[in-house]
Amino acid sequence: MKAKLYIDSEDSTIKIEGGPSDVLYFLVCAIAQILKSYFPHDLERQMAWLSALLYNVICELKKEDDDED
């Protein structure tokens, strides 16, 4: 995998570089680890948070597409 992650906590930004499949794999692994650490024995809560995160990502991508038009 050749994806790279850059986090700037002062600007509250995250940047990932790499091929689309590497980037998606990297994001999925990172989200899974974060949710497991917050809710280690509560799969339903992990799934609820995952749904909310994915919804927000899709909204942001749609907003970017609308801005480009």
PDB file of N, CA and C in Angstrom:
ATOM      1  N   MET A   1       0.862  -1.178   0.000  1.00  0.00           N
ATOM      2  CA  MET A   1       0.000   0.000   0.000  1.00  0.00           C
ATOM      3  C   MET A   1       0.902   1.231   0.000  1.00  0.00           C
ATOM      4  N   LYS A   2       0.535   2.204  -0.811  1.00  0.00           N
ATOM      5  CA  LYS A   2       1.351   3.400  -0.939  1.00  0.00           C
ATOM      6  C   LYS A   2       0.605   4.663  -0.545  1.00  0.00           C
ATOM      7  N   ALA A   3      -0.487   4.529   0.206  1.00  0.00           N
ATOM      8  CA  ALA A   3      -1.232   5.706   0.655  1.00  0.00           C
ATOM      9  C   ALA A   3      -0.482   6.363   1.811  1.00  0.00           C
ATOM     10  N   LYS A   4      -0.591   7.691   1.878  1.00  0.00           N
ATOM     11  CA  LYS A   4       0.047   8.456   2.946  1.00  0.00           C
ATOM     12  C   LYS A   4      -0.996   9.340   3.604  1.00  0.00           C
ATOM     13  N   LEU A   5      -0.905   9.466   4.917  1.00  0.00           N
ATOM     14  CA  LEU A   5      -1.850  10.250   5.690  1.00  0.00           C
ATOM     15  C   LEU A   5      -1.127  11.435   6.312  1.00  0.00           C
ATOM     16  N   TYR A   6      -1.715  12.626   6.169  1.00  0.00           N
ATOM     17  CA  TYR A   6      -1.189  13.841   6.778  1.00  0.00           C
ATOM     18  C   TYR A   6      -2.290  14.456   7.634  1.00  0.00           C
ATOM     19  N   ILE A   7      -1.995  14.685   8.911  1.00  0.00           N
ATOM     20  CA  ILE A   7      -2.972  15.281   9.820  1.00  0.00           C
ATOM     21  C   ILE A   7      -2.401  16.592  10.341  1.00  0.00           C
ATOM     22  N   ASP A   8      -3.186  17.664  10.196  1.00  0.00           N
ATOM     23  CA  ASP A   8      -2.820  18.967  10.736  1.00  0.00           C
ATOM     24  C   ASP A   8      -3.855  19.333  11.791  1.00  0.00           C
ATOM     25  N   SER A   9      -3.530  19.080  13.051  1.00  0.00           N
ATOM     26  CA  SER A   9      -4.503  19.305  14.115  1.00  0.00           C
ATOM     27  C   SER A   9      -4.783  20.788  14.341  1.00  0.00           C
ATOM     28  N   GLU A  10      -3.837  21.650  14.024  1.00  0.00           N
ATOM     29  CA  GLU A  10      -4.072  23.089  14.189  1.00  0.00           C
ATOM     30  C   GLU A  10      -5.118  23.604  13.215  1.00  0.00           C
ATOM     31  N   ASP A  11      -5.086  23.125  11.975  1.00  0.00           N
ATOM     32  CA  ASP A  11      -6.062  23.531  10.961  1.00  0.00           C
ATOM     33  C   ASP A  11      -7.264  22.590  10.902  1.00  0.00           C
ATOM     34  N   SER A  12      -7.240  21.524  11.690  1.00  0.00           N
ATOM     35  CA  SER A  12      -8.295  20.504  11.676  1.00  0.00           C
ATOM     36  C   SER A  12      -8.499  19.940  10.274  1.00  0.00           C
ATOM     37  N   THR A  13      -7.397  19.576   9.633  1.00  0.00           N
ATOM     38  CA  THR A  13      -7.485  19.002   8.294  1.00  0.00           C
ATOM     39  C   THR A  13      -6.766  17.657   8.246  1.00  0.00           C
ATOM     40  N   ILE A  14      -7.255  16.803   7.372  1.00  0.00           N
ATOM     41  CA  ILE A  14      -6.643  15.511   7.103  1.00  0.00           C
ATOM     42  C   ILE A  14      -6.469  15.404   5.600  1.00  0.00           C
ATOM     43  N   LYS A  15      -5.281  15.004   5.164  1.00  0.00           N
ATOM     44  CA  LYS A  15      -5.020  14.849   3.731  1.00  0.00           C
ATOM     45  C   LYS A  15      -4.450  13.456   3.515  1.00  0.00           C
ATOM     46  N   ILE A  16      -4.974  12.771   2.513  1.00  0.00           N
ATOM     47  CA  ILE A  16      -4.494  11.440   2.169  1.00  0.00           C
ATOM     48  C   ILE A  16      -4.097  11.451   0.708  1.00  0.00           C
ATOM     49  N   GLU A  17      -2.941  10.876   0.423  1.00  0.00           N
ATOM     50  CA  GLU A  17      -2.460  10.780  -0.952  1.00  0.00           C
ATOM     51  C   GLU A  17      -2.299   9.309  -1.320  1.00  0.00           C
ATOM     52  N   GLY A  18      -2.555   8.997  -2.565  1.00  0.00           N
ATOM     53  CA  GLY A  18      -2.382   7.639  -3.058  1.00  0.00           C
ATOM     54  C   GLY A  18      -3.467   7.291  -4.050  1.00  0.00           C
ATOM     55  N   GLY A  19      -3.424   6.059  -4.522  1.00  0.00           N
ATOM     56  CA  GLY A  19      -4.451   5.583  -5.448  1.00  0.00           C
ATOM     57  C   GLY A  19      -5.788   5.446  -4.737  1.00  0.00           C
ATOM     58  N   PRO A  20      -6.892   5.516  -5.491  1.00  0.00           N
ATOM     59  CA  PRO A  20      -8.218   5.474  -4.880  1.00  0.00           C
ATOM     60  C   PRO A  20      -8.454   4.239  -3.995  1.00  0.00           C
ATOM     61  N   SER A  21      -8.061   3.065  -4.452  1.00  0.00           N
ATOM     62  CA  SER A  21      -8.308   1.865  -3.649  1.00  0.00           C
ATOM     63  C   SER A  21      -7.450   1.852  -2.393  1.00  0.00           C
ATOM     64  N   ASP A  22      -6.201   2.321  -2.491  1.00  0.00           N
ATOM     65  CA  ASP A  22      -5.342   2.402  -1.310  1.00  0.00           C
ATOM     66  C   ASP A  22      -5.884   3.396  -0.294  1.00  0.00           C
ATOM     67  N   VAL A  23      -6.352   4.533  -0.783  1.00  0.00           N
ATOM     68  CA  VAL A  23      -6.890   5.566   0.100  1.00  0.00           C
ATOM     69  C   VAL A  23      -8.140   5.070   0.808  1.00  0.00           C
ATOM     70  N   LEU A  24      -9.059   4.439   0.066  1.00  0.00           N
ATOM     71  CA  LEU A  24     -10.282   3.923   0.682  1.00  0.00           C
ATOM     72  C   LEU A  24      -9.969   2.843   1.713  1.00  0.00           C
ATOM     73  N   TYR A  25      -9.046   1.954   1.391  1.00  0.00           N
ATOM     74  CA  TYR A  25      -8.655   0.913   2.333  1.00  0.00           C
ATOM     75  C   TYR A  25      -8.066   1.530   3.602  1.00  0.00           C
ATOM     76  N   PHE A  26      -7.217   2.516   3.439  1.00  0.00           N
ATOM     77  CA  PHE A  26      -6.590   3.209   4.561  1.00  0.00           C
ATOM     78  C   PHE A  26      -7.649   3.868   5.442  1.00  0.00           C
ATOM     79  N   LEU A  27      -8.609   4.547   4.829  1.00  0.00           N
ATOM     80  CA  LEU A  27      -9.671   5.209   5.588  1.00  0.00           C
ATOM     81  C   LEU A  27     -10.541   4.210   6.335  1.00  0.00           C
ATOM     82  N   VAL A  28     -10.898   3.112   5.674  1.00  0.00           N
ATOM     83  CA  VAL A  28     -11.732   2.095   6.317  1.00  0.00           C
ATOM     84  C   VAL A  28     -11.015   1.510   7.531  1.00  0.00           C
ATOM     85  N   CYS A  29      -9.744   1.197   7.401  1.00  0.00           N
ATOM     86  CA  CYS A  29      -8.984   0.652   8.532  1.00  0.00           C
ATOM     87  C   CYS A  29      -8.888   1.659   9.674  1.00  0.00           C
ATOM     88  N   ALA A  30      -8.635   2.918   9.346  1.00  0.00           N
ATOM     89  CA  ALA A  30      -8.525   3.949  10.378  1.00  0.00           C
ATOM     90  C   ALA A  30      -9.849   4.134  11.114  1.00  0.00           C
ATOM     91  N   ILE A  31     -10.949   4.191  10.376  1.00  0.00           N
ATOM     92  CA  ILE A  31     -12.268   4.357  11.000  1.00  0.00           C
ATOM     93  C   ILE A  31     -12.584   3.146  11.881  1.00  0.00           C
ATOM     94  N   ALA A  32     -12.294   1.944  11.405  1.00  0.00           N
ATOM     95  CA  ALA A  32     -12.565   0.737  12.189  1.00  0.00           C
ATOM     96  C   ALA A  32     -11.786   0.743  13.497  1.00  0.00           C
ATOM     97  N   GLN A  33     -10.517   1.139  13.448  1.00  0.00           N
ATOM     98  CA  GLN A  33      -9.700   1.175  14.668  1.00  0.00           C
ATOM     99  C   GLN A  33     -10.207   2.223  15.646  1.00  0.00           C
ATOM    100  N   ILE A  34     -10.609   3.370  15.142  1.00  0.00           N
ATOM    101  CA  ILE A  34     -11.121   4.429  16.008  1.00  0.00           C
ATOM    102  C   ILE A  34     -12.412   3.974  16.690  1.00  0.00           C
ATOM    103  N   LEU A  35     -13.335   3.424  15.916  1.00  0.00           N
ATOM    104  CA  LEU A  35     -14.610   2.983  16.489  1.00  0.00           C
ATOM    105  C   LEU A  35     -14.422   1.843  17.482  1.00  0.00           C
ATOM    106  N   LYS A  36     -13.492   0.922  17.198  1.00  0.00           N
ATOM    107  CA  LYS A  36     -13.222  -0.157  18.142  1.00  0.00           C
ATOM    108  C   LYS A  36     -12.651   0.374  19.452  1.00  0.00           C
ATOM    109  N   SER A  37     -11.838   1.417  19.365  1.00  0.00           N
ATOM    110  CA  SER A  37     -11.260   1.966  20.600  1.00  0.00           C
ATOM    111  C   SER A  37     -12.307   2.723  21.423  1.00  0.00           C
ATOM    112  N   TYR A  38     -13.233   3.402  20.765  1.00  0.00           N
ATOM    113  CA  TYR A  38     -14.286   4.129  21.489  1.00  0.00           C
ATOM    114  C   TYR A  38     -15.358   3.198  22.047  1.00  0.00           C
ATOM    115  N   PHE A  39     -15.749   2.194  21.271  1.00  0.00           N
ATOM    116  CA  PHE A  39     -16.842   1.295  21.653  1.00  0.00           C
ATOM    117  C   PHE A  39     -16.393  -0.158  21.463  1.00  0.00           C
ATOM    118  N   PRO A  40     -15.507  -0.652  22.323  1.00  0.00           N
ATOM    119  CA  PRO A  40     -14.901  -1.967  22.080  1.00  0.00           C
ATOM    120  C   PRO A  40     -15.885  -3.143  22.086  1.00  0.00           C
ATOM    121  N   HIS A  41     -16.995  -3.042  22.801  1.00  0.00           N
ATOM    122  CA  HIS A  41     -17.905  -4.179  22.905  1.00  0.00           C
ATOM    123  C   HIS A  41     -19.317  -3.837  22.447  1.00  0.00           C
ATOM    124  N   ASP A  42     -19.462  -2.801  21.635  1.00  0.00           N
ATOM    125  CA  ASP A  42     -20.792  -2.355  21.228  1.00  0.00           C
ATOM    126  C   ASP A  42     -20.846  -2.194  19.711  1.00  0.00           C
ATOM    127  N   LEU A  43     -21.088  -3.318  19.018  1.00  0.00           N
ATOM    128  CA  LEU A  43     -21.105  -3.312  17.555  1.00  0.00           C
ATOM    129  C   LEU A  43     -22.208  -2.409  17.009  1.00  0.00           C
ATOM    130  N   GLU A  44     -23.352  -2.372  17.671  1.00  0.00           N
ATOM    131  CA  GLU A  44     -24.451  -1.523  17.188  1.00  0.00           C
ATOM    132  C   GLU A  44     -24.052  -0.050  17.204  1.00  0.00           C
ATOM    133  N   ARG A  45     -23.381   0.377  18.240  1.00  0.00           N
ATOM    134  CA  ARG A  45     -22.934   1.769  18.303  1.00  0.00           C
ATOM    135  C   ARG A  45     -21.860   2.036  17.257  1.00  0.00           C
ATOM    136  N   GLN A  46     -20.957   1.077  17.035  1.00  0.00           N
ATOM    137  CA  GLN A  46     -19.947   1.228  15.984  1.00  0.00           C
ATOM    138  C   GLN A  46     -20.616   1.413  14.628  1.00  0.00           C
ATOM    139  N   MET A  47     -21.640   0.619  14.346  1.00  0.00           N
ATOM    140  CA  MET A  47     -22.337   0.707  13.061  1.00  0.00           C
ATOM    141  C   MET A  47     -23.101   2.028  12.932  1.00  0.00           C
ATOM    142  N   ALA A  48     -23.674   2.519  14.020  1.00  0.00           N
ATOM    143  CA  ALA A  48     -24.387   3.794  13.976  1.00  0.00           C
ATOM    144  C   ALA A  48     -23.418   4.930  13.650  1.00  0.00           C
ATOM    145  N   TRP A  49     -22.278   4.936  14.304  1.00  0.00           N
ATOM    146  CA  TRP A  49     -21.282   5.975  14.034  1.00  0.00           C
ATOM    147  C   TRP A  49     -20.749   5.857  12.613  1.00  0.00           C
ATOM    148  N   LEU A  50     -20.533   4.638  12.146  1.00  0.00           N
ATOM    149  CA  LEU A  50     -20.058   4.433  10.784  1.00  0.00           C
ATOM    150  C   LEU A  50     -21.055   4.982   9.774  1.00  0.00           C
ATOM    151  N   SER A  51     -22.329   4.725   9.996  1.00  0.00           N
ATOM    152  CA  SER A  51     -23.364   5.246   9.104  1.00  0.00           C
ATOM    153  C   SER A  51     -23.348   6.768   9.071  1.00  0.00           C
ATOM    154  N   ALA A  52     -23.220   7.377  10.235  1.00  0.00           N
ATOM    155  CA  ALA A  52     -23.184   8.846  10.300  1.00  0.00           C
ATOM    156  C   ALA A  52     -21.954   9.395   9.586  1.00  0.00           C
ATOM    157  N   LEU A  53     -20.808   8.769   9.775  1.00  0.00           N
ATOM    158  CA  LEU A  53     -19.577   9.225   9.114  1.00  0.00           C
ATOM    159  C   LEU A  53     -19.697   9.110   7.599  1.00  0.00           C
ATOM    160  N   LEU A  54     -20.201   7.981   7.124  1.00  0.00           N
ATOM    161  CA  LEU A  54     -20.353   7.805   5.681  1.00  0.00           C
ATOM    162  C   LEU A  54     -21.343   8.800   5.089  1.00  0.00           C
ATOM    163  N   TYR A  55     -22.425   9.054   5.795  1.00  0.00           N
ATOM    164  CA  TYR A  55     -23.408  10.033   5.331  1.00  0.00           C
ATOM    165  C   TYR A  55     -22.762  11.409   5.182  1.00  0.00           C
ATOM    166  N   ASN A  56     -21.973  11.809   6.175  1.00  0.00           N
ATOM    167  CA  ASN A  56     -21.312  13.121   6.115  1.00  0.00           C
ATOM    168  C   ASN A  56     -20.279  13.183   4.989  1.00  0.00           C
ATOM    169  N   VAL A  57     -19.569  12.096   4.757  1.00  0.00           N
ATOM    170  CA  VAL A  57     -18.600  12.064   3.656  1.00  0.00           C
ATOM    171  C   VAL A  57     -19.317  12.229   2.318  1.00  0.00           C
ATOM    172  N   ILE A  58     -20.413  11.510   2.142  1.00  0.00           N
ATOM    173  CA  ILE A  58     -21.175  11.602   0.893  1.00  0.00           C
ATOM    174  C   ILE A  58     -21.716  13.018   0.697  1.00  0.00           C
ATOM    175  N   CYS A  59     -22.201  13.642   1.762  1.00  0.00           N
ATOM    176  CA  CYS A  59     -22.705  15.021   1.666  1.00  0.00           C
ATOM    177  C   CYS A  59     -21.592  15.982   1.246  1.00  0.00           C
ATOM    178  N   GLU A  60     -20.406  15.811   1.820  1.00  0.00           N
ATOM    179  CA  GLU A  60     -19.281  16.675   1.461  1.00  0.00           C
ATOM    180  C   GLU A  60     -18.865  16.468   0.005  1.00  0.00           C
ATOM    181  N   LEU A  61     -18.826  15.223  -0.438  1.00  0.00           N
ATOM    182  CA  LEU A  61     -18.465  14.950  -1.834  1.00  0.00           C
ATOM    183  C   LEU A  61     -19.501  15.534  -2.785  1.00  0.00           C
ATOM    184  N   LYS A  62     -20.768  15.435  -2.437  1.00  0.00           N
ATOM    185  CA  LYS A  62     -21.817  16.009  -3.270  1.00  0.00           C
ATOM    186  C   LYS A  62     -21.690  17.522  -3.317  1.00  0.00           C
ATOM    187  N   LYS A  63     -21.379  18.127  -2.170  1.00  0.00           N
ATOM    188  CA  LYS A  63     -21.216  19.572  -2.118  1.00  0.00           C
ATOM    189  C   LYS A  63     -20.048  20.018  -3.001  1.00  0.00           C
ATOM    190  N   GLU A  64     -18.949  19.258  -2.982  1.00  0.00           N
ATOM    191  CA  GLU A  64     -17.798  19.579  -3.838  1.00  0.00           C
ATOM    192  C   GLU A  64     -18.163  19.460  -5.308  1.00  0.00           C
ATOM    193  N   ASP A  65     -18.925  18.417  -5.663  1.00  0.00           N
ATOM    194  CA  ASP A  65     -19.360  18.246  -7.056  1.00  0.00           C
ATOM    195  C   ASP A  65     -20.255  19.409  -7.485  1.00  0.00           C
ATOM    196  N   ASP A  66     -21.151  19.852  -6.604  1.00  0.00           N
ATOM    197  CA  ASP A  66     -22.045  20.969  -6.929  1.00  0.00           C
ATOM    198  C   ASP A  66     -21.267  22.276  -7.088  1.00  0.00           C
ATOM    199  N   ASP A  67     -20.207  22.431  -6.292  1.00  0.00           N
ATOM    200  CA  ASP A  67     -19.386  23.641  -6.385  1.00  0.00           C
ATOM    201  C   ASP A  67     -18.608  23.698  -7.699  1.00  0.00           C
ATOM    202  N   GLU A  68     -18.230  22.541  -8.235  1.00  0.00           N
ATOM    203  CA  GLU A  68     -17.462  22.489  -9.480  1.00  0.00           C
ATOM    204  C   GLU A  68     -18.338  22.803 -10.697  1.00  0.00           C
ATOM    205  N   ASP A  69     -19.642  22.574 -10.598  1.00  0.00           N
ATOM    206  CA  ASP A  69     -20.537  22.811 -11.743  1.00  0.00           C
ATOM    207  C   ASP A  69     -20.719  24.258 -12.002  1.00  0.00           C
TER     208      ASP A  69
END
